[in-house]
Amino acid sequence: DEVLAELGINDPQLELAMKLEEIARNDP
C-alpha cells in the first residue's frame, strides 16, 4: 500500500491485483 501510494501508479494489472485481493478476502 505504501509503495503504490508513493508511486501513484496507474497500471491496469496492479488495479486488477488489488480488486482480486478485495474480492477474494471477502468471498465466503
mmCIF file of all heavy atoms, coordinates in Angstrom:
data_MODEL
# 
_entry.id   MODEL 
# 
loop_
_atom_site.group_PDB 
_atom_site.id 
_atom_site.type_symbol 
_atom_site.label_atom_id 
_atom_site.label_alt_id 
_atom_site.label_comp_id 
_atom_site.label_asym_id 
_atom_site.label_entity_id 
_atom_site.label_seq_id 
_atom_site.pdbx_PDB_ins_code 
_atom_site.Cartn_x 
_atom_site.Cartn_y 
_atom_site.Cartn_z 
_atom_site.occupancy 
_atom_site.B_iso_or_equiv 
_atom_site.pdbx_formal_charge 
_atom_site.auth_seq_id 
_atom_site.auth_comp_id 
_atom_site.auth_asym_id 
_atom_site.auth_atom_id 
_atom_site.pdbx_PDB_model_num 
ATOM 1   N N   . ASP A 1 1  ? 0.833   -1.210  0.000   1.00 0.00 ? 1  ASP A N   1 
ATOM 2   C CA  . ASP A 1 1  ? 0.000   0.000   0.000   1.00 0.00 ? 1  ASP A CA  1 
ATOM 3   C C   . ASP A 1 1  ? 0.868   1.261   0.000   1.00 0.00 ? 1  ASP A C   1 
ATOM 4   O O   . ASP A 1 1  ? 0.580   2.235   -0.700  1.00 0.00 ? 1  ASP A O   1 
ATOM 5   C CB  . ASP A 1 1  ? -0.929  0.007   1.218   1.00 0.00 ? 1  ASP A CB  1 
ATOM 6   C CG  . ASP A 1 1  ? -1.990  -1.093  1.149   1.00 0.00 ? 1  ASP A CG  1 
ATOM 7   O OD1 . ASP A 1 1  ? -2.256  -1.599  0.039   1.00 0.00 ? 1  ASP A OD1 1 
ATOM 8   O OD2 . ASP A 1 1  ? -2.549  -1.450  2.211   1.00 0.00 ? 1  ASP A OD2 1 
ATOM 9   N N   . GLU A 1 2  ? 1.966   1.250   0.789   1.00 0.00 ? 2  GLU A N   1 
ATOM 10  C CA  . GLU A 1 2  ? 2.877   2.404   0.853   1.00 0.00 ? 2  GLU A CA  1 
ATOM 11  C C   . GLU A 1 2  ? 3.527   2.667   -0.502  1.00 0.00 ? 2  GLU A C   1 
ATOM 12  O O   . GLU A 1 2  ? 3.625   3.820   -0.948  1.00 0.00 ? 2  GLU A O   1 
ATOM 13  C CB  . GLU A 1 2  ? 3.962   2.150   1.909   1.00 0.00 ? 2  GLU A CB  1 
ATOM 14  C CG  . GLU A 1 2  ? 3.483   2.211   3.351   1.00 0.00 ? 2  GLU A CG  1 
ATOM 15  C CD  . GLU A 1 2  ? 4.539   1.727   4.338   1.00 0.00 ? 2  GLU A CD  1 
ATOM 16  O OE1 . GLU A 1 2  ? 5.695   1.495   3.897   1.00 0.00 ? 2  GLU A OE1 1 
ATOM 17  O OE2 . GLU A 1 2  ? 4.212   1.584   5.544   1.00 0.00 ? 2  GLU A OE2 1 
ATOM 18  N N   . VAL A 1 3  ? 3.976   1.609   -1.163  1.00 0.00 ? 3  VAL A N   1 
ATOM 19  C CA  . VAL A 1 3  ? 4.655   1.754   -2.457  1.00 0.00 ? 3  VAL A CA  1 
ATOM 20  C C   . VAL A 1 3  ? 3.704   2.286   -3.521  1.00 0.00 ? 3  VAL A C   1 
ATOM 21  O O   . VAL A 1 3  ? 4.029   3.217   -4.260  1.00 0.00 ? 3  VAL A O   1 
ATOM 22  C CB  . VAL A 1 3  ? 5.271   0.407   -2.896  1.00 0.00 ? 3  VAL A CB  1 
ATOM 23  C CG1 . VAL A 1 3  ? 5.716   0.461   -4.355  1.00 0.00 ? 3  VAL A CG1 1 
ATOM 24  C CG2 . VAL A 1 3  ? 6.447   0.057   -2.006  1.00 0.00 ? 3  VAL A CG2 1 
ATOM 25  N N   . LEU A 1 4  ? 2.510   1.699   -3.595  1.00 0.00 ? 4  LEU A N   1 
ATOM 26  C CA  . LEU A 1 4  ? 1.551   2.125   -4.611  1.00 0.00 ? 4  LEU A CA  1 
ATOM 27  C C   . LEU A 1 4  ? 1.102   3.571   -4.380  1.00 0.00 ? 4  LEU A C   1 
ATOM 28  O O   . LEU A 1 4  ? 0.925   4.335   -5.329  1.00 0.00 ? 4  LEU A O   1 
ATOM 29  C CB  . LEU A 1 4  ? 0.336   1.192   -4.623  1.00 0.00 ? 4  LEU A CB  1 
ATOM 30  C CG  . LEU A 1 4  ? 0.627   -0.266  -5.041  1.00 0.00 ? 4  LEU A CG  1 
ATOM 31  C CD1 . LEU A 1 4  ? -0.655  -1.090  -5.052  1.00 0.00 ? 4  LEU A CD1 1 
ATOM 32  C CD2 . LEU A 1 4  ? 1.281   -0.337  -6.413  1.00 0.00 ? 4  LEU A CD2 1 
ATOM 33  N N   . ALA A 1 5  ? 0.951   3.966   -3.105  1.00 0.00 ? 5  ALA A N   1 
ATOM 34  C CA  . ALA A 1 5  ? 0.588   5.352   -2.782  1.00 0.00 ? 5  ALA A CA  1 
ATOM 35  C C   . ALA A 1 5  ? 1.715   6.306   -3.150  1.00 0.00 ? 5  ALA A C   1 
ATOM 36  O O   . ALA A 1 5  ? 1.471   7.401   -3.675  1.00 0.00 ? 5  ALA A O   1 
ATOM 37  C CB  . ALA A 1 5  ? 0.256   5.472   -1.298  1.00 0.00 ? 5  ALA A CB  1 
ATOM 38  N N   . GLU A 1 6  ? 2.962   5.896   -2.896  1.00 0.00 ? 6  GLU A N   1 
ATOM 39  C CA  . GLU A 1 6  ? 4.121   6.729   -3.191  1.00 0.00 ? 6  GLU A CA  1 
ATOM 40  C C   . GLU A 1 6  ? 4.285   6.944   -4.692  1.00 0.00 ? 6  GLU A C   1 
ATOM 41  O O   . GLU A 1 6  ? 4.554   8.048   -5.154  1.00 0.00 ? 6  GLU A O   1 
ATOM 42  C CB  . GLU A 1 6  ? 5.386   6.084   -2.619  1.00 0.00 ? 6  GLU A CB  1 
ATOM 43  C CG  . GLU A 1 6  ? 6.705   6.766   -3.009  1.00 0.00 ? 6  GLU A CG  1 
ATOM 44  C CD  . GLU A 1 6  ? 6.874   8.145   -2.398  1.00 0.00 ? 6  GLU A CD  1 
ATOM 45  O OE1 . GLU A 1 6  ? 6.143   8.477   -1.431  1.00 0.00 ? 6  GLU A OE1 1 
ATOM 46  O OE2 . GLU A 1 6  ? 7.736   8.916   -2.881  1.00 0.00 ? 6  GLU A OE2 1 
ATOM 47  N N   . LEU A 1 7  ? 4.125   5.896   -5.461  1.00 0.00 ? 7  LEU A N   1 
ATOM 48  C CA  . LEU A 1 7  ? 4.372   5.973   -6.895  1.00 0.00 ? 7  LEU A CA  1 
ATOM 49  C C   . LEU A 1 7  ? 3.165   6.476   -7.684  1.00 0.00 ? 7  LEU A C   1 
ATOM 50  O O   . LEU A 1 7  ? 3.313   6.968   -8.805  1.00 0.00 ? 7  LEU A O   1 
ATOM 51  C CB  . LEU A 1 7  ? 4.805   4.597   -7.431  1.00 0.00 ? 7  LEU A CB  1 
ATOM 52  C CG  . LEU A 1 7  ? 6.140   4.057   -6.863  1.00 0.00 ? 7  LEU A CG  1 
ATOM 53  C CD1 . LEU A 1 7  ? 6.408   2.653   -7.407  1.00 0.00 ? 7  LEU A CD1 1 
ATOM 54  C CD2 . LEU A 1 7  ? 7.290   4.983   -7.207  1.00 0.00 ? 7  LEU A CD2 1 
ATOM 55  N N   . GLY A 1 8  ? 1.972   6.335   -7.081  1.00 0.00 ? 8  GLY A N   1 
ATOM 56  C CA  . GLY A 1 8  ? 0.758   6.780   -7.767  1.00 0.00 ? 8  GLY A CA  1 
ATOM 57  C C   . GLY A 1 8  ? 0.584   6.137   -9.124  1.00 0.00 ? 8  GLY A C   1 
ATOM 58  O O   . GLY A 1 8  ? 0.208   6.791   -10.102 1.00 0.00 ? 8  GLY A O   1 
ATOM 59  N N   . ILE A 1 9  ? 0.876   4.882   -9.200  1.00 0.00 ? 9  ILE A N   1 
ATOM 60  C CA  . ILE A 1 9  ? 0.891   4.176   -10.486 1.00 0.00 ? 9  ILE A CA  1 
ATOM 61  C C   . ILE A 1 9  ? -0.519  3.899   -10.988 1.00 0.00 ? 9  ILE A C   1 
ATOM 62  O O   . ILE A 1 9  ? -1.382  3.440   -10.247 1.00 0.00 ? 9  ILE A O   1 
ATOM 63  C CB  . ILE A 1 9  ? 1.669   2.844   -10.358 1.00 0.00 ? 9  ILE A CB  1 
ATOM 64  C CG1 . ILE A 1 9  ? 3.128   3.121   -10.068 1.00 0.00 ? 9  ILE A CG1 1 
ATOM 65  C CG2 . ILE A 1 9  ? 1.538   2.001   -11.626 1.00 0.00 ? 9  ILE A CG2 1 
ATOM 66  C CD1 . ILE A 1 9  ? 3.929   1.881   -9.788  1.00 0.00 ? 9  ILE A CD1 1 
ATOM 67  N N   . ASN A 1 10 ? -0.720  4.175   -12.237 1.00 0.00 ? 10 ASN A N   1 
ATOM 68  C CA  . ASN A 1 10 ? -1.978  3.848   -12.895 1.00 0.00 ? 10 ASN A CA  1 
ATOM 69  C C   . ASN A 1 10 ? -1.725  2.679   -13.839 1.00 0.00 ? 10 ASN A C   1 
ATOM 70  O O   . ASN A 1 10 ? -1.560  2.836   -15.036 1.00 0.00 ? 10 ASN A O   1 
ATOM 71  C CB  . ASN A 1 10 ? -2.524  5.061   -13.655 1.00 0.00 ? 10 ASN A CB  1 
ATOM 72  C CG  . ASN A 1 10 ? -3.897  4.780   -14.266 1.00 0.00 ? 10 ASN A CG  1 
ATOM 73  O OD1 . ASN A 1 10 ? -4.600  3.856   -13.854 1.00 0.00 ? 10 ASN A OD1 1 
ATOM 74  N ND2 . ASN A 1 10 ? -4.269  5.571   -15.263 1.00 0.00 ? 10 ASN A ND2 1 
ATOM 75  N N   . ASP A 1 11 ? -1.633  1.495   -13.265 1.00 0.00 ? 11 ASP A N   1 
ATOM 76  C CA  . ASP A 1 11 ? -1.309  0.293   -14.026 1.00 0.00 ? 11 ASP A CA  1 
ATOM 77  C C   . ASP A 1 11 ? -2.511  -0.647  -13.969 1.00 0.00 ? 11 ASP A C   1 
ATOM 78  O O   . ASP A 1 11 ? -2.926  -1.077  -12.889 1.00 0.00 ? 11 ASP A O   1 
ATOM 79  C CB  . ASP A 1 11 ? -0.065  -0.383  -13.420 1.00 0.00 ? 11 ASP A CB  1 
ATOM 80  C CG  . ASP A 1 11 ? 0.422   -1.584  -14.241 1.00 0.00 ? 11 ASP A CG  1 
ATOM 81  O OD1 . ASP A 1 11 ? -0.421  -2.303  -14.805 1.00 0.00 ? 11 ASP A OD1 1 
ATOM 82  O OD2 . ASP A 1 11 ? 1.638   -1.818  -14.278 1.00 0.00 ? 11 ASP A OD2 1 
ATOM 83  N N   . PRO A 1 12 ? -3.092  -1.007  -15.112 1.00 0.00 ? 12 PRO A N   1 
ATOM 84  C CA  . PRO A 1 12 ? -4.263  -1.886  -15.115 1.00 0.00 ? 12 PRO A CA  1 
ATOM 85  C C   . PRO A 1 12 ? -4.023  -3.211  -14.397 1.00 0.00 ? 12 PRO A C   1 
ATOM 86  O O   . PRO A 1 12 ? -4.921  -3.738  -13.739 1.00 0.00 ? 12 PRO A O   1 
ATOM 87  C CB  . PRO A 1 12 ? -4.536  -2.115  -16.610 1.00 0.00 ? 12 PRO A CB  1 
ATOM 88  C CG  . PRO A 1 12 ? -3.904  -0.952  -17.299 1.00 0.00 ? 12 PRO A CG  1 
ATOM 89  C CD  . PRO A 1 12 ? -2.730  -0.565  -16.481 1.00 0.00 ? 12 PRO A CD  1 
ATOM 90  N N   . GLN A 1 13 ? -2.808  -3.751  -14.511 1.00 0.00 ? 13 GLN A N   1 
ATOM 91  C CA  . GLN A 1 13 ? -2.510  -5.020  -13.869 1.00 0.00 ? 13 GLN A CA  1 
ATOM 92  C C   . GLN A 1 13 ? -2.500  -4.891  -12.341 1.00 0.00 ? 13 GLN A C   1 
ATOM 93  O O   . GLN A 1 13 ? -3.014  -5.764  -11.634 1.00 0.00 ? 13 GLN A O   1 
ATOM 94  C CB  . GLN A 1 13 ? -1.169  -5.576  -14.347 1.00 0.00 ? 13 GLN A CB  1 
ATOM 95  C CG  . GLN A 1 13 ? -0.952  -7.046  -13.942 1.00 0.00 ? 13 GLN A CG  1 
ATOM 96  C CD  . GLN A 1 13 ? 0.334   -7.625  -14.475 1.00 0.00 ? 13 GLN A CD  1 
ATOM 97  O OE1 . GLN A 1 13 ? 1.401   -7.064  -14.259 1.00 0.00 ? 13 GLN A OE1 1 
ATOM 98  N NE2 . GLN A 1 13 ? 0.265   -8.733  -15.194 1.00 0.00 ? 13 GLN A NE2 1 
ATOM 99  N N   . LEU A 1 14 ? -1.945  -3.803  -11.839 1.00 0.00 ? 14 LEU A N   1 
ATOM 100 C CA  . LEU A 1 14 ? -1.937  -3.590  -10.403 1.00 0.00 ? 14 LEU A CA  1 
ATOM 101 C C   . LEU A 1 14 ? -3.345  -3.310  -9.881  1.00 0.00 ? 14 LEU A C   1 
ATOM 102 O O   . LEU A 1 14 ? -3.713  -3.760  -8.797  1.00 0.00 ? 14 LEU A O   1 
ATOM 103 C CB  . LEU A 1 14 ? -0.993  -2.434  -10.044 1.00 0.00 ? 14 LEU A CB  1 
ATOM 104 C CG  . LEU A 1 14 ? 0.498   -2.691  -10.330 1.00 0.00 ? 14 LEU A CG  1 
ATOM 105 C CD1 . LEU A 1 14 ? 1.322   -1.461  -9.979  1.00 0.00 ? 14 LEU A CD1 1 
ATOM 106 C CD2 . LEU A 1 14 ? 1.014   -3.894  -9.568  1.00 0.00 ? 14 LEU A CD2 1 
ATOM 107 N N   . GLU A 1 15 ? -4.114  -2.575  -10.663 1.00 0.00 ? 15 GLU A N   1 
ATOM 108 C CA  . GLU A 1 15 ? -5.517  -2.333  -10.310 1.00 0.00 ? 15 GLU A CA  1 
ATOM 109 C C   . GLU A 1 15 ? -6.273  -3.664  -10.241 1.00 0.00 ? 15 GLU A C   1 
ATOM 110 O O   . GLU A 1 15 ? -7.075  -3.899  -9.334  1.00 0.00 ? 15 GLU A O   1 
ATOM 111 C CB  . GLU A 1 15 ? -6.153  -1.411  -11.351 1.00 0.00 ? 15 GLU A CB  1 
ATOM 112 C CG  . GLU A 1 15 ? -7.608  -1.044  -11.023 1.00 0.00 ? 15 GLU A CG  1 
ATOM 113 C CD  . GLU A 1 15 ? -8.272  -0.270  -12.153 1.00 0.00 ? 15 GLU A CD  1 
ATOM 114 O OE1 . GLU A 1 15 ? -7.560  0.236   -13.045 1.00 0.00 ? 15 GLU A OE1 1 
ATOM 115 O OE2 . GLU A 1 15 ? -9.519  -0.194  -12.168 1.00 0.00 ? 15 GLU A OE2 1 
ATOM 116 N N   . LEU A 1 16 ? -6.000  -4.529  -11.197 1.00 0.00 ? 16 LEU A N   1 
ATOM 117 C CA  . LEU A 1 16 ? -6.605  -5.857  -11.240 1.00 0.00 ? 16 LEU A CA  1 
ATOM 118 C C   . LEU A 1 16 ? -6.219  -6.665  -10.000 1.00 0.00 ? 16 LEU A C   1 
ATOM 119 O O   . LEU A 1 16 ? -7.072  -7.317  -9.387  1.00 0.00 ? 16 LEU A O   1 
ATOM 120 C CB  . LEU A 1 16 ? -6.148  -6.579  -12.511 1.00 0.00 ? 16 LEU A CB  1 
ATOM 121 C CG  . LEU A 1 16 ? -6.518  -8.058  -12.683 1.00 0.00 ? 16 LEU A CG  1 
ATOM 122 C CD1 . LEU A 1 16 ? -8.029  -8.233  -12.680 1.00 0.00 ? 16 LEU A CD1 1 
ATOM 123 C CD2 . LEU A 1 16 ? -5.933  -8.607  -13.983 1.00 0.00 ? 16 LEU A CD2 1 
ATOM 124 N N   . ALA A 1 17 ? -4.966  -6.593  -9.611  1.00 0.00 ? 17 ALA A N   1 
ATOM 125 C CA  . ALA A 1 17 ? -4.490  -7.336  -8.443  1.00 0.00 ? 17 ALA A CA  1 
ATOM 126 C C   . ALA A 1 17 ? -5.197  -6.877  -7.174  1.00 0.00 ? 17 ALA A C   1 
ATOM 127 O O   . ALA A 1 17 ? -5.609  -7.701  -6.345  1.00 0.00 ? 17 ALA A O   1 
ATOM 128 C CB  . ALA A 1 17 ? -2.979  -7.162  -8.298  1.00 0.00 ? 17 ALA A CB  1 
ATOM 129 N N   . MET A 1 18 ? -5.338  -5.575  -7.000  1.00 0.00 ? 18 MET A N   1 
ATOM 130 C CA  . MET A 1 18 ? -5.991  -5.044  -5.806  1.00 0.00 ? 18 MET A CA  1 
ATOM 131 C C   . MET A 1 18 ? -7.472  -5.420  -5.754  1.00 0.00 ? 18 MET A C   1 
ATOM 132 O O   . MET A 1 18 ? -8.023  -5.704  -4.692  1.00 0.00 ? 18 MET A O   1 
ATOM 133 C CB  . MET A 1 18 ? -5.833  -3.514  -5.763  1.00 0.00 ? 18 MET A CB  1 
ATOM 134 C CG  . MET A 1 18 ? -4.388  -3.034  -5.558  1.00 0.00 ? 18 MET A CG  1 
ATOM 135 S SD  . MET A 1 18 ? -3.705  -3.549  -3.932  1.00 0.00 ? 18 MET A SD  1 
ATOM 136 C CE  . MET A 1 18 ? -2.789  -5.002  -4.401  1.00 0.00 ? 18 MET A CE  1 
ATOM 137 N N   . LYS A 1 19 ? -8.119  -5.422  -6.910  1.00 0.00 ? 19 LYS A N   1 
ATOM 138 C CA  . LYS A 1 19 ? -9.530  -5.799  -6.980  1.00 0.00 ? 19 LYS A CA  1 
ATOM 139 C C   . LYS A 1 19 ? -9.692  -7.287  -6.674  1.00 0.00 ? 19 LYS A C   1 
ATOM 140 O O   . LYS A 1 19 ? -10.611 -7.691  -5.962  1.00 0.00 ? 19 LYS A O   1 
ATOM 141 C CB  . LYS A 1 19 ? -10.092 -5.485  -8.375  1.00 0.00 ? 19 LYS A CB  1 
ATOM 142 C CG  . LYS A 1 19 ? -11.605 -5.668  -8.481  1.00 0.00 ? 19 LYS A CG  1 
ATOM 143 C CD  . LYS A 1 19 ? -12.365 -4.671  -7.621  1.00 0.00 ? 19 LYS A CD  1 
ATOM 144 C CE  . LYS A 1 19 ? -13.884 -4.837  -7.796  1.00 0.00 ? 19 LYS A CE  1 
ATOM 145 N NZ  . LYS A 1 19 ? -14.625 -3.944  -6.836  1.00 0.00 ? 19 LYS A NZ  1 
ATOM 146 N N   . LEU A 1 20 ? -8.793  -8.083  -7.207  1.00 0.00 ? 20 LEU A N   1 
ATOM 147 C CA  . LEU A 1 20 ? -8.817  -9.527  -6.958  1.00 0.00 ? 20 LEU A CA  1 
ATOM 148 C C   . LEU A 1 20 ? -8.626  -9.811  -5.468  1.00 0.00 ? 20 LEU A C   1 
ATOM 149 O O   . LEU A 1 20 ? -9.325  -10.652 -4.890  1.00 0.00 ? 20 LEU A O   1 
ATOM 150 C CB  . LEU A 1 20 ? -7.721  -10.217 -7.768  1.00 0.00 ? 20 LEU A CB  1 
ATOM 151 C CG  . LEU A 1 20 ? -7.597  -11.740 -7.614  1.00 0.00 ? 20 LEU A CG  1 
ATOM 152 C CD1 . LEU A 1 20 ? -8.866  -12.433 -8.089  1.00 0.00 ? 20 LEU A CD1 1 
ATOM 153 C CD2 . LEU A 1 20 ? -6.388  -12.256 -8.397  1.00 0.00 ? 20 LEU A CD2 1 
ATOM 154 N N   . GLU A 1 21 ? -7.695  -9.105  -4.846  1.00 0.00 ? 21 GLU A N   1 
ATOM 155 C CA  . GLU A 1 21 ? -7.452  -9.264  -3.413  1.00 0.00 ? 21 GLU A CA  1 
ATOM 156 C C   . GLU A 1 21 ? -8.713  -8.928  -2.615  1.00 0.00 ? 21 GLU A C   1 
ATOM 157 O O   . GLU A 1 21 ? -9.114  -9.680  -1.718  1.00 0.00 ? 21 GLU A O   1 
ATOM 158 C CB  . GLU A 1 21 ? -6.309  -8.338  -2.967  1.00 0.00 ? 21 GLU A CB  1 
ATOM 159 C CG  . GLU A 1 21 ? -6.037  -8.410  -1.473  1.00 0.00 ? 21 GLU A CG  1 
ATOM 160 C CD  . GLU A 1 21 ? -5.582  -7.080  -0.887  1.00 0.00 ? 21 GLU A CD  1 
ATOM 161 O OE1 . GLU A 1 21 ? -5.859  -6.039  -1.489  1.00 0.00 ? 21 GLU A OE1 1 
ATOM 162 O OE2 . GLU A 1 21 ? -4.986  -7.076  0.189   1.00 0.00 ? 21 GLU A OE2 1 
ATOM 163 N N   . GLU A 1 22 ? -9.356  -7.828  -2.953  1.00 0.00 ? 22 GLU A N   1 
ATOM 164 C CA  . GLU A 1 22 ? -10.558 -7.389  -2.243  1.00 0.00 ? 22 GLU A CA  1 
ATOM 165 C C   . GLU A 1 22 ? -11.662 -8.437  -2.325  1.00 0.00 ? 22 GLU A C   1 
ATOM 166 O O   . GLU A 1 22 ? -12.298 -8.777  -1.314  1.00 0.00 ? 22 GLU A O   1 
ATOM 167 C CB  . GLU A 1 22 ? -11.039 -6.062  -2.840  1.00 0.00 ? 22 GLU A CB  1 
ATOM 168 C CG  . GLU A 1 22 ? -12.274 -5.483  -2.146  1.00 0.00 ? 22 GLU A CG  1 
ATOM 169 C CD  . GLU A 1 22 ? -12.820 -4.275  -2.894  1.00 0.00 ? 22 GLU A CD  1 
ATOM 170 O OE1 . GLU A 1 22 ? -12.066 -3.638  -3.682  1.00 0.00 ? 22 GLU A OE1 1 
ATOM 171 O OE2 . GLU A 1 22 ? -14.013 -3.983  -2.711  1.00 0.00 ? 22 GLU A OE2 1 
ATOM 172 N N   . ILE A 1 23 ? -11.899 -8.953  -3.529  1.00 0.00 ? 23 ILE A N   1 
ATOM 173 C CA  . ILE A 1 23 ? -12.967 -9.932  -3.728  1.00 0.00 ? 23 ILE A CA  1 
ATOM 174 C C   . ILE A 1 23 ? -12.648 -11.239 -2.984  1.00 0.00 ? 23 ILE A C   1 
ATOM 175 O O   . ILE A 1 23 ? -13.490 -11.795 -2.274  1.00 0.00 ? 23 ILE A O   1 
ATOM 176 C CB  . ILE A 1 23 ? -13.185 -10.200 -5.230  1.00 0.00 ? 23 ILE A CB  1 
ATOM 177 C CG1 . ILE A 1 23 ? -13.776 -8.949  -5.904  1.00 0.00 ? 23 ILE A CG1 1 
ATOM 178 C CG2 . ILE A 1 23 ? -14.109 -11.406 -5.445  1.00 0.00 ? 23 ILE A CG2 1 
ATOM 179 C CD1 . ILE A 1 23 ? -13.890 -9.048  -7.411  1.00 0.00 ? 23 ILE A CD1 1 
ATOM 180 N N   . ALA A 1 24 ? -11.421 -11.724 -3.152  1.00 0.00 ? 24 ALA A N   1 
ATOM 181 C CA  . ALA A 1 24 ? -11.037 -12.999 -2.546  1.00 0.00 ? 24 ALA A CA  1 
ATOM 182 C C   . ALA A 1 24 ? -11.057 -12.938 -1.022  1.00 0.00 ? 24 ALA A C   1 
ATOM 183 O O   . ALA A 1 24 ? -11.427 -13.911 -0.354  1.00 0.00 ? 24 ALA A O   1 
ATOM 184 C CB  . ALA A 1 24 ? -9.656  -13.419 -3.037  1.00 0.00 ? 24 ALA A CB  1 
ATOM 185 N N   . ARG A 1 25 ? -10.673 -11.788 -0.454  1.00 0.00 ? 25 ARG A N   1 
ATOM 186 C CA  . ARG A 1 25 ? -10.645 -11.662 1.011   1.00 0.00 ? 25 ARG A CA  1 
ATOM 187 C C   . ARG A 1 25 ? -12.041 -11.637 1.613   1.00 0.00 ? 25 ARG A C   1 
ATOM 188 O O   . ARG A 1 25 ? -12.217 -11.915 2.800   1.00 0.00 ? 25 ARG A O   1 
ATOM 189 C CB  . ARG A 1 25 ? -9.895  -10.384 1.412   1.00 0.00 ? 25 ARG A CB  1 
ATOM 190 C CG  . ARG A 1 25 ? -8.385  -10.485 1.279   1.00 0.00 ? 25 ARG A CG  1 
ATOM 191 C CD  . ARG A 1 25 ? -7.736  -9.137  1.576   1.00 0.00 ? 25 ARG A CD  1 
ATOM 192 N NE  . ARG A 1 25 ? -7.767  -8.818  2.978   1.00 0.00 ? 25 ARG A NE  1 
ATOM 193 C CZ  . ARG A 1 25 ? -6.811  -9.096  3.848   1.00 0.00 ? 25 ARG A CZ  1 
ATOM 194 N NH1 . ARG A 1 25 ? -5.726  -9.714  3.452   1.00 0.00 ? 25 ARG A NH1 1 
ATOM 195 N NH2 . ARG A 1 25 ? -6.918  -8.777  5.104   1.00 0.00 ? 25 ARG A NH2 1 
ATOM 196 N N   . ASN A 1 26 ? -13.034 -11.309 0.806   1.00 0.00 ? 26 ASN A N   1 
ATOM 197 C CA  . ASN A 1 26 ? -14.397 -11.201 1.311   1.00 0.00 ? 26 ASN A CA  1 
ATOM 198 C C   . ASN A 1 26 ? -15.327 -12.309 0.819   1.00 0.00 ? 26 ASN A C   1 
ATOM 199 O O   . ASN A 1 26 ? -16.472 -12.395 1.236   1.00 0.00 ? 26 ASN A O   1 
ATOM 200 C CB  . ASN A 1 26 ? -14.989 -9.834  0.923   1.00 0.00 ? 26 ASN A CB  1 
ATOM 201 C CG  . ASN A 1 26 ? -14.273 -8.685  1.618   1.00 0.00 ? 26 ASN A CG  1 
ATOM 202 O OD1 . ASN A 1 26 ? -14.351 -8.535  2.825   1.00 0.00 ? 26 ASN A OD1 1 
ATOM 203 N ND2 . ASN A 1 26 ? -13.557 -7.862  0.860   1.00 0.00 ? 26 ASN A ND2 1 
ATOM 204 N N   . ASP A 1 27 ? -14.829 -13.144 -0.062  1.00 0.00 ? 27 ASP A N   1 
ATOM 205 C CA  . ASP A 1 27 ? -15.637 -14.234 -0.593  1.00 0.00 ? 27 ASP A CA  1 
ATOM 206 C C   . ASP A 1 27 ? -15.685 -15.379 0.423   1.00 0.00 ? 27 ASP A C   1 
ATOM 207 O O   . ASP A 1 27 ? -14.643 -15.879 0.846   1.00 0.00 ? 27 ASP A O   1 
ATOM 208 C CB  . ASP A 1 27 ? -15.040 -14.734 -1.918  1.00 0.00 ? 27 ASP A CB  1 
ATOM 209 C CG  . ASP A 1 27 ? -15.948 -15.702 -2.642  1.00 0.00 ? 27 ASP A CG  1 
ATOM 210 O OD1 . ASP A 1 27 ? -16.252 -16.775 -2.068  1.00 0.00 ? 27 ASP A OD1 1 
ATOM 211 O OD2 . ASP A 1 27 ? -16.361 -15.419 -3.776  1.00 0.00 ? 27 ASP A OD2 1 
ATOM 212 N N   . PRO A 1 28 ? -16.894 -15.820 0.839   1.00 0.00 ? 28 PRO A N   1 
ATOM 213 C CA  . PRO A 1 28 ? -17.016 -16.884 1.855   1.00 0.00 ? 28 PRO A CA  1 
ATOM 214 C C   . PRO A 1 28 ? -16.219 -18.139 1.501   1.00 0.00 ? 28 PRO A C   1 
ATOM 215 O O   . PRO A 1 28 ? -15.669 -18.800 2.383   1.00 0.00 ? 28 PRO A O   1 
ATOM 216 C CB  . PRO A 1 28 ? -18.516 -17.169 1.895   1.00 0.00 ? 28 PRO A CB  1 
ATOM 217 C CG  . PRO A 1 28 ? -19.158 -15.895 1.408   1.00 0.00 ? 28 PRO A CG  1 
ATOM 218 C CD  . PRO A 1 28 ? -18.213 -15.330 0.404   1.00 0.00 ? 28 PRO A CD  1 
# 
